Amino acid sequence: MARLLQPSFTQQLPRGAALFDQYEMPAFLHMLLDGSVGLQARNEAGAETIVEIFGAGELFLVPAVVLGRPYLASGLALTNVRVLMIPADLFREGVTQDPALGRAALELLARHWRLMVEQVVDLKLRSAERRVARFLARRVPEEAGAGPAELPEPRGALAARLGMTPETLSRTLNALEARGAIRLSAKRADVVDRALLMRLGIA
């Protein structure tokens, strides 16, 4: 960790700032210290969508850094953010030389692969209500059982991540509130019963 942190530095960026662009070669591994970052992909016609959202404490995009391949999406600050910038070449060197770092990187890649498969299943097989219920439940610690699911991101970004329109997201949140699973406020949803949300997400 000391070798990785010595040449690293932090950046503070405002909402809407780009951390990196799609197809850019990675010069850094990013660790989000504060705020929320969306992975924004665009097609040849210029249409854009949010593929994933990262919160504080998460690393992104490790596969591009490890492989030395271009990013498949852009990094967009959805809120004001503070990011730790770790030189990509130093991280790759550390992964090959330090078994503990290599295992940690492997575990992180495995978790991201599972999340990707879950997201594909969500989009292909689950209704809007189930997708939103699972998304909110994951923002509350399992051991807590209840608590606030912070929603600092723009509703349009959240809707895109969940594969729906902002109008559908609003209707779905209201439906979950009517069922007693959450209480809505401007920038968060207070989860009354996380287990209930998960059941709604699976049923």
C-alpha atoms as a PDB file:
ATOM      1  CA  MET A   1       0.000   0.000   0.000  1.00  0.00           C
ATOM      2  CA  ALA A   2       2.847   2.385   0.822  1.00  0.00           C
ATOM      3  CA  ARG A   3       4.396   1.856  -2.628  1.00  0.00           C
ATOM      4  CA  LEU A   4       1.042   2.483  -4.314  1.00  0.00           C
ATOM      5  CA  LEU A   5       0.176   5.556  -2.294  1.00  0.00           C
ATOM      6  CA  GLN A   6       3.537   7.345  -2.483  1.00  0.00           C
ATOM      7  CA  PRO A   7       3.132   8.543  -6.117  1.00  0.00           C
ATOM      8  CA  SER A   8      -0.665   8.728  -5.960  1.00  0.00           C
ATOM      9  CA  PHE A   9      -2.676  11.916  -5.493  1.00  0.00           C
ATOM     10  CA  THR A  10      -6.270  13.014  -4.968  1.00  0.00           C
ATOM     11  CA  GLN A  11      -8.492  15.072  -7.230  1.00  0.00           C
ATOM     12  CA  GLN A  12     -11.641  16.975  -6.313  1.00  0.00           C
ATOM     13  CA  LEU A  13     -14.039  17.352  -9.216  1.00  0.00           C
ATOM     14  CA  PRO A  14     -17.472  18.982  -9.530  1.00  0.00           C
ATOM     15  CA  ARG A  15     -20.668  17.277 -10.587  1.00  0.00           C
ATOM     16  CA  GLY A  16     -20.679  16.767 -14.346  1.00  0.00           C
ATOM     17  CA  ALA A  17     -16.881  16.532 -14.695  1.00  0.00           C
ATOM     18  CA  ALA A  18     -15.360  13.734 -16.790  1.00  0.00           C
ATOM     19  CA  LEU A  19     -12.776  11.536 -15.082  1.00  0.00           C
ATOM     20  CA  PHE A  20     -11.894   9.706 -18.299  1.00  0.00           C
ATOM     21  CA  ASP A  21     -13.395   9.135 -21.741  1.00  0.00           C
ATOM     22  CA  GLN A  22     -14.666   6.013 -23.457  1.00  0.00           C
ATOM     23  CA  TYR A  23     -11.879   4.363 -25.525  1.00  0.00           C
ATOM     24  CA  GLU A  24      -9.187   6.316 -23.647  1.00  0.00           C
ATOM     25  CA  MET A  25      -6.190   4.267 -22.462  1.00  0.00           C
ATOM     26  CA  PRO A  26      -6.059   4.107 -18.641  1.00  0.00           C
ATOM     27  CA  ALA A  27      -3.261   6.096 -17.037  1.00  0.00           C
ATOM     28  CA  PHE A  28      -4.644   5.667 -13.504  1.00  0.00           C
ATOM     29  CA  LEU A  29      -6.666   3.336 -11.340  1.00  0.00           C
ATOM     30  CA  HIS A  30      -9.383   5.392  -9.658  1.00  0.00           C
ATOM     31  CA  MET A  31     -10.552   4.921  -6.085  1.00  0.00           C
ATOM     32  CA  LEU A  32     -13.612   6.961  -5.167  1.00  0.00           C
ATOM     33  CA  LEU A  33     -13.207   8.558  -1.735  1.00  0.00           C
ATOM     34  CA  ASP A  34     -16.368  10.703  -1.706  1.00  0.00           C
ATOM     35  CA  GLY A  35     -19.362  11.127  -3.986  1.00  0.00           C
ATOM     36  CA  SER A  36     -20.828   9.110  -6.831  1.00  0.00           C
ATOM     37  CA  VAL A  37     -19.461   8.283 -10.292  1.00  0.00           C
ATOM     38  CA  GLY A  38     -21.379   6.847 -13.244  1.00  0.00           C
ATOM     39  CA  LEU A  39     -19.993   4.800 -16.114  1.00  0.00           C
ATOM     40  CA  GLN A  40     -21.495   6.389 -19.199  1.00  0.00           C
ATOM     41  CA  ALA A  41     -21.414   4.466 -22.494  1.00  0.00           C
ATOM     42  CA  ARG A  42     -22.333   5.856 -25.895  1.00  0.00           C
ATOM     43  CA  ASN A  43     -22.960   4.202 -29.258  1.00  0.00           C
ATOM     44  CA  GLU A  44     -21.944   5.200 -32.767  1.00  0.00           C
ATOM     45  CA  ALA A  45     -25.015   7.440 -33.124  1.00  0.00           C
ATOM     46  CA  GLY A  46     -24.120   9.365 -29.967  1.00  0.00           C
ATOM     47  CA  ALA A  47     -26.873   7.927 -27.719  1.00  0.00           C
ATOM     48  CA  GLU A  48     -25.705   7.628 -24.095  1.00  0.00           C
ATOM     49  CA  THR A  49     -26.678   5.649 -21.022  1.00  0.00           C
ATOM     50  CA  ILE A  50     -25.395   4.971 -17.511  1.00  0.00           C
ATOM     51  CA  VAL A  51     -24.057   1.408 -17.264  1.00  0.00           C
ATOM     52  CA  GLU A  52     -23.080   1.363 -13.586  1.00  0.00           C
ATOM     53  CA  ILE A  53     -22.808   3.660 -10.580  1.00  0.00           C
ATOM     54  CA  PHE A  54     -19.911   3.574  -8.093  1.00  0.00           C
ATOM     55  CA  GLY A  55     -19.938   4.943  -4.556  1.00  0.00           C
ATOM     56  CA  ALA A  56     -17.315   5.924  -1.994  1.00  0.00           C
ATOM     57  CA  GLY A  57     -14.735   3.231  -1.270  1.00  0.00           C
ATOM     58  CA  GLU A  58     -14.963   1.557  -4.687  1.00  0.00           C
ATOM     59  CA  LEU A  59     -12.222   1.057  -7.299  1.00  0.00           C
ATOM     60  CA  PHE A  60     -12.899   1.459 -11.022  1.00  0.00           C
ATOM     61  CA  LEU A  61     -12.195   0.354 -13.757  1.00  0.00           C
ATOM     62  CA  VAL A  62      -9.811  -2.406 -12.728  1.00  0.00           C
ATOM     63  CA  PRO A  63     -10.159  -4.634 -15.871  1.00  0.00           C
ATOM     64  CA  ALA A  64      -9.013  -1.853 -18.202  1.00  0.00           C
ATOM     65  CA  VAL A  65      -6.041  -1.086 -15.947  1.00  0.00           C
ATOM     66  CA  VAL A  66      -4.994  -4.723 -15.486  1.00  0.00           C
ATOM     67  CA  LEU A  67      -5.279  -5.519 -19.211  1.00  0.00           C
ATOM     68  CA  GLY A  68      -3.883  -2.191 -20.404  1.00  0.00           C
ATOM     69  CA  ARG A  69      -6.894  -1.872 -22.707  1.00  0.00           C
ATOM     70  CA  PRO A  70      -9.109   1.148 -23.508  1.00  0.00           C
ATOM     71  CA  TYR A  71     -12.027   2.045 -21.262  1.00  0.00           C
ATOM     72  CA  LEU A  72     -15.379   0.726 -22.533  1.00  0.00           C
ATOM     73  CA  ALA A  73     -17.236   3.630 -20.886  1.00  0.00           C
ATOM     74  CA  SER A  74     -16.582   7.166 -19.699  1.00  0.00           C
ATOM     75  CA  GLY A  75     -16.368   8.133 -16.034  1.00  0.00           C
ATOM     76  CA  LEU A  76     -18.811  10.925 -15.142  1.00  0.00           C
ATOM     77  CA  ALA A  77     -19.056  12.633 -11.746  1.00  0.00           C
ATOM     78  CA  LEU A  78     -22.735  12.391 -10.753  1.00  0.00           C
ATOM     79  CA  THR A  79     -22.053  14.467  -7.623  1.00  0.00           C
ATOM     80  CA  ASN A  80     -19.084  16.438  -6.368  1.00  0.00           C
ATOM     81  CA  VAL A  81     -16.368  13.802  -5.984  1.00  0.00           C
ATOM     82  CA  ARG A  82     -12.961  13.206  -4.429  1.00  0.00           C
ATOM     83  CA  VAL A  83     -10.890  10.549  -6.191  1.00  0.00           C
ATOM     84  CA  LEU A  84      -7.579   8.849  -5.397  1.00  0.00           C
ATOM     85  CA  MET A  85      -5.506   8.518  -8.591  1.00  0.00           C
ATOM     86  CA  ILE A  86      -3.172   5.493  -8.518  1.00  0.00           C
ATOM     87  CA  PRO A  87      -0.721   5.212 -11.464  1.00  0.00           C
ATOM     88  CA  ALA A  88      -1.857   2.318 -13.664  1.00  0.00           C
ATOM     89  CA  ASP A  89       1.627   1.003 -14.454  1.00  0.00           C
ATOM     90  CA  LEU A  90       2.532   0.893 -10.761  1.00  0.00           C
ATOM     91  CA  PHE A  91      -0.688  -1.005  -9.961  1.00  0.00           C
ATOM     92  CA  ARG A  92      -0.019  -3.559 -12.725  1.00  0.00           C
ATOM     93  CA  GLU A  93       3.509  -4.039 -11.411  1.00  0.00           C
ATOM     94  CA  GLY A  94       2.177  -4.508  -7.876  1.00  0.00           C
ATOM     95  CA  VAL A  95      -0.383  -7.105  -8.996  1.00  0.00           C
ATOM     96  CA  THR A  96       2.346  -9.236 -10.598  1.00  0.00           C
ATOM     97  CA  GLN A  97       4.848  -8.888  -7.743  1.00  0.00           C
ATOM     98  CA  ASP A  98       2.692  -8.898  -4.600  1.00  0.00           C
ATOM     99  CA  PRO A  99       0.578 -12.055  -4.064  1.00  0.00           C
ATOM    100  CA  ALA A 100      -1.727 -10.310  -1.566  1.00  0.00           C
ATOM    101  CA  LEU A 101      -2.470  -7.476  -3.996  1.00  0.00           C
ATOM    102  CA  GLY A 102      -2.958  -9.987  -6.788  1.00  0.00           C
ATOM    103  CA  ARG A 103      -5.512 -11.929  -4.719  1.00  0.00           C
ATOM    104  CA  ALA A 104      -7.311  -8.705  -3.781  1.00  0.00           C
ATOM    105  CA  ALA A 105      -7.485  -7.662  -7.451  1.00  0.00           C
ATOM    106  CA  LEU A 106      -8.783 -11.124  -8.407  1.00  0.00           C
ATOM    107  CA  GLU A 107     -11.511 -10.962  -5.739  1.00  0.00           C
ATOM    108  CA  LEU A 108     -12.520  -7.476  -6.914  1.00  0.00           C
ATOM    109  CA  LEU A 109     -12.752  -8.631 -10.534  1.00  0.00           C
ATOM    110  CA  ALA A 110     -14.837 -11.621  -9.456  1.00  0.00           C
ATOM    111  CA  ARG A 111     -17.258  -9.366  -7.539  1.00  0.00           C
ATOM    112  CA  HIS A 112     -17.588  -7.040 -10.533  1.00  0.00           C
ATOM    113  CA  TRP A 113     -18.272 -10.022 -12.809  1.00  0.00           C
ATOM    114  CA  ARG A 114     -21.067 -11.205 -10.484  1.00  0.00           C
ATOM    115  CA  LEU A 115     -22.554  -7.696 -10.420  1.00  0.00           C
ATOM    116  CA  MET A 116     -22.470  -7.582 -14.216  1.00  0.00           C
ATOM    117  CA  VAL A 117     -24.316 -10.919 -14.480  1.00  0.00           C
ATOM    118  CA  GLU A 118     -26.891  -9.753 -11.910  1.00  0.00           C
ATOM    119  CA  GLN A 119     -27.441  -6.566 -13.885  1.00  0.00           C
ATOM    120  CA  VAL A 120     -28.009  -8.525 -17.116  1.00  0.00           C
ATOM    121  CA  VAL A 121     -30.522 -10.760 -15.295  1.00  0.00           C
ATOM    122  CA  ASP A 122     -32.237  -7.655 -13.879  1.00  0.00           C
ATOM    123  CA  LEU A 123     -32.624  -6.048 -17.296  1.00  0.00           C
ATOM    124  CA  LYS A 124     -33.752  -9.219 -19.071  1.00  0.00           C
ATOM    125  CA  LEU A 125     -35.938 -10.950 -16.496  1.00  0.00           C
ATOM    126  CA  ARG A 126     -37.061  -8.619 -13.689  1.00  0.00           C
ATOM    127  CA  SER A 127     -39.799  -6.005 -13.646  1.00  0.00           C
ATOM    128  CA  ALA A 128     -39.146  -2.335 -12.912  1.00  0.00           C
ATOM    129  CA  GLU A 129     -40.333  -2.740  -9.305  1.00  0.00           C
ATOM    130  CA  ARG A 130     -38.014  -5.679  -8.679  1.00  0.00           C
ATOM    131  CA  ARG A 131     -35.031  -3.834 -10.168  1.00  0.00           C
ATOM    132  CA  VAL A 132     -35.616  -0.736  -8.042  1.00  0.00           C
ATOM    133  CA  ALA A 133     -36.252  -2.786  -4.888  1.00  0.00           C
ATOM    134  CA  ARG A 134     -32.969  -4.685  -5.262  1.00  0.00           C
ATOM    135  CA  PHE A 135     -31.054  -1.501  -6.068  1.00  0.00           C
ATOM    136  CA  LEU A 136     -32.328   0.285  -2.946  1.00  0.00           C
ATOM    137  CA  ALA A 137     -31.763  -2.760  -0.728  1.00  0.00           C
ATOM    138  CA  ARG A 138     -28.106  -2.909  -1.770  1.00  0.00           C
ATOM    139  CA  ARG A 139     -27.619   0.665  -0.571  1.00  0.00           C
ATOM    140  CA  VAL A 140     -28.488  -0.342   3.005  1.00  0.00           C
ATOM    141  CA  PRO A 141     -26.107  -2.593   5.007  1.00  0.00           C
ATOM    142  CA  GLU A 142     -27.559  -6.084   5.380  1.00  0.00           C
ATOM    143  CA  GLU A 143     -26.773  -6.191   9.084  1.00  0.00           C
ATOM    144  CA  ALA A 144     -28.668  -2.938   9.685  1.00  0.00           C
ATOM    145  CA  GLY A 145     -31.948  -4.300   8.331  1.00  0.00           C
ATOM    146  CA  ALA A 146     -33.259  -0.760   7.711  1.00  0.00           C
ATOM    147  CA  GLY A 147     -31.977   2.764   7.192  1.00  0.00           C
ATOM    148  CA  PRO A 148     -31.463   5.471   4.596  1.00  0.00           C
ATOM    149  CA  ALA A 149     -30.637   4.584   0.997  1.00  0.00           C
ATOM    150  CA  GLU A 150     -28.952   7.771  -0.177  1.00  0.00           C
ATOM    151  CA  LEU A 151     -29.863   8.887  -3.708  1.00  0.00           C
ATOM    152  CA  PRO A 152     -27.560  11.846  -4.439  1.00  0.00           C
ATOM    153  CA  GLU A 153     -27.403  11.128  -8.164  1.00  0.00           C
ATOM    154  CA  PRO A 154     -29.695  12.798 -10.732  1.00  0.00           C
ATOM    155  CA  ARG A 155     -32.888  10.784 -11.216  1.00  0.00           C
ATOM    156  CA  GLY A 156     -32.118  10.501 -14.926  1.00  0.00           C
ATOM    157  CA  ALA A 157     -28.813   8.770 -14.162  1.00  0.00           C
ATOM    158  CA  LEU A 158     -30.469   6.374 -11.704  1.00  0.00           C
ATOM    159  CA  ALA A 159     -33.206   5.575 -14.220  1.00  0.00           C
ATOM    160  CA  ALA A 160     -30.646   4.892 -16.969  1.00  0.00           C
ATOM    161  CA  ARG A 161     -28.663   2.569 -14.675  1.00  0.00           C
ATOM    162  CA  LEU A 162     -31.876   0.651 -13.957  1.00  0.00           C
ATOM    163  CA  GLY A 163     -32.929   0.477 -17.609  1.00  0.00           C
ATOM    164  CA  MET A 164     -36.065   2.624 -17.404  1.00  0.00           C
ATOM    165  CA  THR A 165     -37.312   6.159 -17.963  1.00  0.00           C
ATOM    166  CA  PRO A 166     -37.266   8.747 -15.135  1.00  0.00           C
ATOM    167  CA  GLU A 167     -41.087   8.653 -15.152  1.00  0.00           C
ATOM    168  CA  THR A 168     -41.111   4.882 -14.623  1.00  0.00           C
ATOM    169  CA  LEU A 169     -38.575   5.241 -11.810  1.00  0.00           C
ATOM    170  CA  SER A 170     -40.744   7.839 -10.052  1.00  0.00           C
ATOM    171  CA  ARG A 171     -43.863   5.660 -10.380  1.00  0.00           C
ATOM    172  CA  THR A 172     -41.971   2.640  -9.078  1.00  0.00           C
ATOM    173  CA  LEU A 173     -40.596   4.511  -6.061  1.00  0.00           C
ATOM    174  CA  ASN A 174     -44.101   5.722  -5.242  1.00  0.00           C
ATOM    175  CA  ALA A 175     -45.431   2.167  -5.564  1.00  0.00           C
ATOM    176  CA  LEU A 176     -42.777   0.849  -3.153  1.00  0.00           C
ATOM    177  CA  GLU A 177     -43.674   3.634  -0.724  1.00  0.00           C
ATOM    178  CA  ALA A 178     -47.365   2.703  -0.971  1.00  0.00           C
ATOM    179  CA  ARG A 179     -46.444  -0.884  -0.078  1.00  0.00           C
ATOM    180  CA  GLY A 180     -44.707   0.332   3.091  1.00  0.00           C
ATOM    181  CA  ALA A 181     -41.212  -0.698   2.027  1.00  0.00           C
ATOM    182  CA  ILE A 182     -39.714   2.816   1.869  1.00  0.00           C
ATOM    183  CA  ARG A 183     -40.369   6.441   2.792  1.00  0.00           C
ATOM    184  CA  LEU A 184     -39.299   8.941   0.152  1.00  0.00           C
ATOM    185  CA  SER A 185     -37.578  12.289   0.580  1.00  0.00           C
ATOM    186  CA  ALA A 186     -35.736  14.550  -1.869  1.00  0.00           C
ATOM    187  CA  LYS A 187     -32.325  12.822  -1.947  1.00  0.00           C
ATOM    188  CA  ARG A 188     -32.933   9.480  -0.291  1.00  0.00           C
ATOM    189  CA  ALA A 189     -35.324   6.637   0.346  1.00  0.00           C
ATOM    190  CA  ASP A 190     -35.617   5.527   3.969  1.00  0.00           C
ATOM    191  CA  VAL A 191     -35.780   1.742   3.842  1.00  0.00           C
ATOM    192  CA  VAL A 192     -38.266   0.521   6.428  1.00  0.00           C
ATOM    193  CA  ASP A 193     -37.507  -3.165   5.947  1.00  0.00           C
ATOM    194  CA  ARG A 194     -34.508  -4.274   3.861  1.00  0.00           C
ATOM    195  CA  ALA A 195     -35.613  -7.916   3.942  1.00  0.00           C
ATOM    196  CA  LEU A 196     -39.002  -6.910   2.526  1.00  0.00           C
ATOM    197  CA  LEU A 197     -37.288  -5.017  -0.291  1.00  0.00           C
ATOM    198  CA  MET A 198     -35.178  -8.037  -1.140  1.00  0.00           C
ATOM    199  CA  ARG A 199     -38.281 -10.240  -1.175  1.00  0.00           C
ATOM    200  CA  LEU A 200     -39.965  -7.787  -3.508  1.00  0.00           C
ATOM    201  CA  GLY A 201     -36.887  -7.920  -5.683  1.00  0.00           C
ATOM    202  CA  ILE A 202     -36.942 -11.701  -5.952  1.00  0.00           C
ATOM    203  CA  ALA A 203     -40.660 -12.533  -5.925  1.00  0.00           C
END
